[in-house]
Amino acid sequence: MANRITTYAEFWPFYLREHSRMATRRLHYVGTALTFVFLGLAIWSGGWWWLAVPAAGYGFAWFAHFRVERNRPATFTHPWWSLVSDYRMFFLAIAGRLGPHLRAAGVGQG
């Protein structure tokens, strides 16, 4: 199905279904939060911290997909939409507004 997606509006529910397990989403949240930490360190001190930004985000996310969700990360087929969706999911979760999006995509909250 991922190959037939042509708009972001179609991608977003697909993305959420690919993150149906709470443990997958939580690992994504950890990785996404760490991207901000490492970005801040990179800006403040420079150096190798820049390399930690994508490593943290993708490392936690890909672990979650391969070990928890047991699916292929959407990054491999739609890298930019996937990146946008990682941050969108993160901020919606922090705001307590992810639930309606999950329900609309047919994903349980557990």
C-alpha atoms as a PDB file:
ATOM      1  CA  MET A   1       0.000   0.000   0.000  1.00  0.00           C
ATOM      2  CA  ALA A   2       2.835   2.419   0.815  1.00  0.00           C
ATOM      3  CA  ASN A   3       3.899   2.529  -2.840  1.00  0.00           C
ATOM      4  CA  ARG A   4       0.454   3.693  -3.979  1.00  0.00           C
ATOM      5  CA  ILE A   5       0.307   6.657  -1.619  1.00  0.00           C
ATOM      6  CA  THR A   6       0.498   9.891  -3.572  1.00  0.00           C
ATOM      7  CA  THR A   7      -0.504  12.574  -1.045  1.00  0.00           C
ATOM      8  CA  TYR A   8       0.385  13.366   2.532  1.00  0.00           C
ATOM      9  CA  ALA A   9      -3.310  13.144   3.448  1.00  0.00           C
ATOM     10  CA  GLU A  10      -3.179   9.482   2.396  1.00  0.00           C
ATOM     11  CA  PHE A  11       0.173   8.924   4.082  1.00  0.00           C
ATOM     12  CA  TRP A  12      -0.751  10.157   7.577  1.00  0.00           C
ATOM     13  CA  PRO A  13      -3.308   7.405   8.393  1.00  0.00           C
ATOM     14  CA  PHE A  14      -0.956   4.813   6.867  1.00  0.00           C
ATOM     15  CA  TYR A  15       1.856   6.141   9.061  1.00  0.00           C
ATOM     16  CA  LEU A  16      -0.302   5.864  12.181  1.00  0.00           C
ATOM     17  CA  ARG A  17      -1.303   2.301  11.319  1.00  0.00           C
ATOM     18  CA  GLU A  18       2.393   1.458  10.972  1.00  0.00           C
ATOM     19  CA  HIS A  19       2.765   2.710  14.576  1.00  0.00           C
ATOM     20  CA  SER A  20      -0.153   0.798  16.057  1.00  0.00           C
ATOM     21  CA  ARG A  21       1.615  -0.427  19.200  1.00  0.00           C
ATOM     22  CA  MET A  22       2.068   1.949  22.103  1.00  0.00           C
ATOM     23  CA  ALA A  23       5.620   0.660  22.636  1.00  0.00           C
ATOM     24  CA  THR A  24       6.509   1.643  19.068  1.00  0.00           C
ATOM     25  CA  ARG A  25       5.171   5.139  19.565  1.00  0.00           C
ATOM     26  CA  ARG A  26       6.959   5.496  22.908  1.00  0.00           C
ATOM     27  CA  LEU A  27      10.297   4.505  21.395  1.00  0.00           C
ATOM     28  CA  HIS A  28       9.680   7.061  18.644  1.00  0.00           C
ATOM     29  CA  TYR A  29       8.973   9.707  21.292  1.00  0.00           C
ATOM     30  CA  VAL A  30      12.247   8.946  23.071  1.00  0.00           C
ATOM     31  CA  GLY A  31      14.210   9.184  19.828  1.00  0.00           C
ATOM     32  CA  THR A  32      12.431  12.356  18.756  1.00  0.00           C
ATOM     33  CA  ALA A  33      13.000  14.002  22.148  1.00  0.00           C
ATOM     34  CA  LEU A  34      16.683  13.083  21.938  1.00  0.00           C
ATOM     35  CA  THR A  35      16.937  14.779  18.551  1.00  0.00           C
ATOM     36  CA  PHE A  36      16.107  18.053  20.297  1.00  0.00           C
ATOM     37  CA  VAL A  37      18.655  17.379  23.041  1.00  0.00           C
ATOM     38  CA  PHE A  38      21.409  16.583  20.561  1.00  0.00           C
ATOM     39  CA  LEU A  39      20.452  19.469  18.297  1.00  0.00           C
ATOM     40  CA  GLY A  40      20.736  21.810  21.269  1.00  0.00           C
ATOM     41  CA  LEU A  41      24.122  20.368  22.186  1.00  0.00           C
ATOM     42  CA  ALA A  42      25.278  20.686  18.581  1.00  0.00           C
ATOM     43  CA  ILE A  43      24.246  24.321  18.405  1.00  0.00           C
ATOM     44  CA  TRP A  44      25.729  25.103  21.805  1.00  0.00           C
ATOM     45  CA  SER A  45      29.031  23.248  21.488  1.00  0.00           C
ATOM     46  CA  GLY A  46      29.389  22.160  17.863  1.00  0.00           C
ATOM     47  CA  GLY A  47      31.423  19.082  17.151  1.00  0.00           C
ATOM     48  CA  TRP A  48      30.152  15.565  16.674  1.00  0.00           C
ATOM     49  CA  TRP A  49      26.743  16.183  18.290  1.00  0.00           C
ATOM     50  CA  TRP A  50      25.328  16.867  14.811  1.00  0.00           C
ATOM     51  CA  LEU A  51      25.808  13.181  14.009  1.00  0.00           C
ATOM     52  CA  ALA A  52      23.778  12.184  17.048  1.00  0.00           C
ATOM     53  CA  VAL A  53      20.628  13.959  15.837  1.00  0.00           C
ATOM     54  CA  PRO A  54      19.667  11.510  13.048  1.00  0.00           C
ATOM     55  CA  ALA A  55      21.228   8.571  14.913  1.00  0.00           C
ATOM     56  CA  ALA A  56      18.939   9.123  17.908  1.00  0.00           C
ATOM     57  CA  GLY A  57      15.797   9.667  15.862  1.00  0.00           C
ATOM     58  CA  TYR A  58      16.286   6.846  13.404  1.00  0.00           C
ATOM     59  CA  GLY A  59      17.937   4.493  15.871  1.00  0.00           C
ATOM     60  CA  PHE A  60      15.005   4.366  18.263  1.00  0.00           C
ATOM     61  CA  ALA A  61      12.438   4.423  15.459  1.00  0.00           C
ATOM     62  CA  TRP A  62      13.988   1.636  13.435  1.00  0.00           C
ATOM     63  CA  PHE A  63      14.504  -0.509  16.530  1.00  0.00           C
ATOM     64  CA  ALA A  64      10.803  -0.049  17.289  1.00  0.00           C
ATOM     65  CA  HIS A  65       9.779  -1.090  13.799  1.00  0.00           C
ATOM     66  CA  PHE A  66      12.034  -4.116  13.512  1.00  0.00           C
ATOM     67  CA  ARG A  67      11.646  -5.425  17.086  1.00  0.00           C
ATOM     68  CA  VAL A  68       8.284  -4.192  18.371  1.00  0.00           C
ATOM     69  CA  GLU A  69       6.020  -3.466  15.426  1.00  0.00           C
ATOM     70  CA  ARG A  70       7.718  -6.006  13.127  1.00  0.00           C
ATOM     71  CA  ASN A  71       7.239  -3.927  10.001  1.00  0.00           C
ATOM     72  CA  ARG A  72       9.359  -1.906   7.609  1.00  0.00           C
ATOM     73  CA  PRO A  73       9.875   1.769   8.523  1.00  0.00           C
ATOM     74  CA  ALA A  74       7.963   4.191   6.312  1.00  0.00           C
ATOM     75  CA  THR A  75      11.228   6.132   6.056  1.00  0.00           C
ATOM     76  CA  PHE A  76      12.350   3.672   3.404  1.00  0.00           C
ATOM     77  CA  THR A  77       9.509   4.542   1.018  1.00  0.00           C
ATOM     78  CA  HIS A  78       8.504   8.087   2.026  1.00  0.00           C
ATOM     79  CA  PRO A  79      11.444   9.675   3.876  1.00  0.00           C
ATOM     80  CA  TRP A  80      10.258  13.292   4.054  1.00  0.00           C
ATOM     81  CA  TRP A  81       6.658  12.513   4.931  1.00  0.00           C
ATOM     82  CA  SER A  82       7.896  10.058   7.517  1.00  0.00           C
ATOM     83  CA  LEU A  83      10.155  12.655   9.119  1.00  0.00           C
ATOM     84  CA  VAL A  84       7.342  15.208   9.217  1.00  0.00           C
ATOM     85  CA  SER A  85       5.004  12.582  10.657  1.00  0.00           C
ATOM     86  CA  ASP A  86       7.465  11.602  13.402  1.00  0.00           C
ATOM     87  CA  TYR A  87       7.438  15.156  14.700  1.00  0.00           C
ATOM     88  CA  ARG A  88       3.702  15.572  14.100  1.00  0.00           C
ATOM     89  CA  MET A  89       2.964  12.413  16.115  1.00  0.00           C
ATOM     90  CA  PHE A  90       5.355  13.554  18.862  1.00  0.00           C
ATOM     91  CA  PHE A  91       3.793  17.001  19.270  1.00  0.00           C
ATOM     92  CA  LEU A  92       0.221  15.700  19.021  1.00  0.00           C
ATOM     93  CA  ALA A  93       1.017  13.158  21.751  1.00  0.00           C
ATOM     94  CA  ILE A  94       2.539  15.828  24.001  1.00  0.00           C
ATOM     95  CA  ALA A  95      -0.542  18.008  23.492  1.00  0.00           C
ATOM     96  CA  GLY A  96      -2.849  15.075  24.246  1.00  0.00           C
ATOM     97  CA  ARG A  97      -4.385  15.335  20.778  1.00  0.00           C
ATOM     98  CA  LEU A  98      -3.123  12.155  19.099  1.00  0.00           C
ATOM     99  CA  GLY A  99      -6.086   9.977  20.108  1.00  0.00           C
ATOM    100  CA  PRO A 100      -8.568  11.252  17.493  1.00  0.00           C
ATOM    101  CA  HIS A 101      -5.970  10.805  14.753  1.00  0.00           C
ATOM    102  CA  LEU A 102      -5.303   7.224  15.857  1.00  0.00           C
ATOM    103  CA  ARG A 103      -9.011   6.435  15.986  1.00  0.00           C
ATOM    104  CA  ALA A 104      -9.578   7.955  12.534  1.00  0.00           C
ATOM    105  CA  ALA A 105      -6.768   5.741  11.189  1.00  0.00           C
ATOM    106  CA  GLY A 106      -8.324   2.668  12.834  1.00  0.00           C
ATOM    107  CA  VAL A 107      -5.636   2.308  15.502  1.00  0.00           C
ATOM    108  CA  GLY A 108      -6.417   1.442  19.118  1.00  0.00           C
ATOM    109  CA  GLN A 109      -4.673   3.552  21.729  1.00  0.00           C
ATOM    110  CA  GLY A 110      -3.112   0.616  23.581  1.00  0.00           C
END
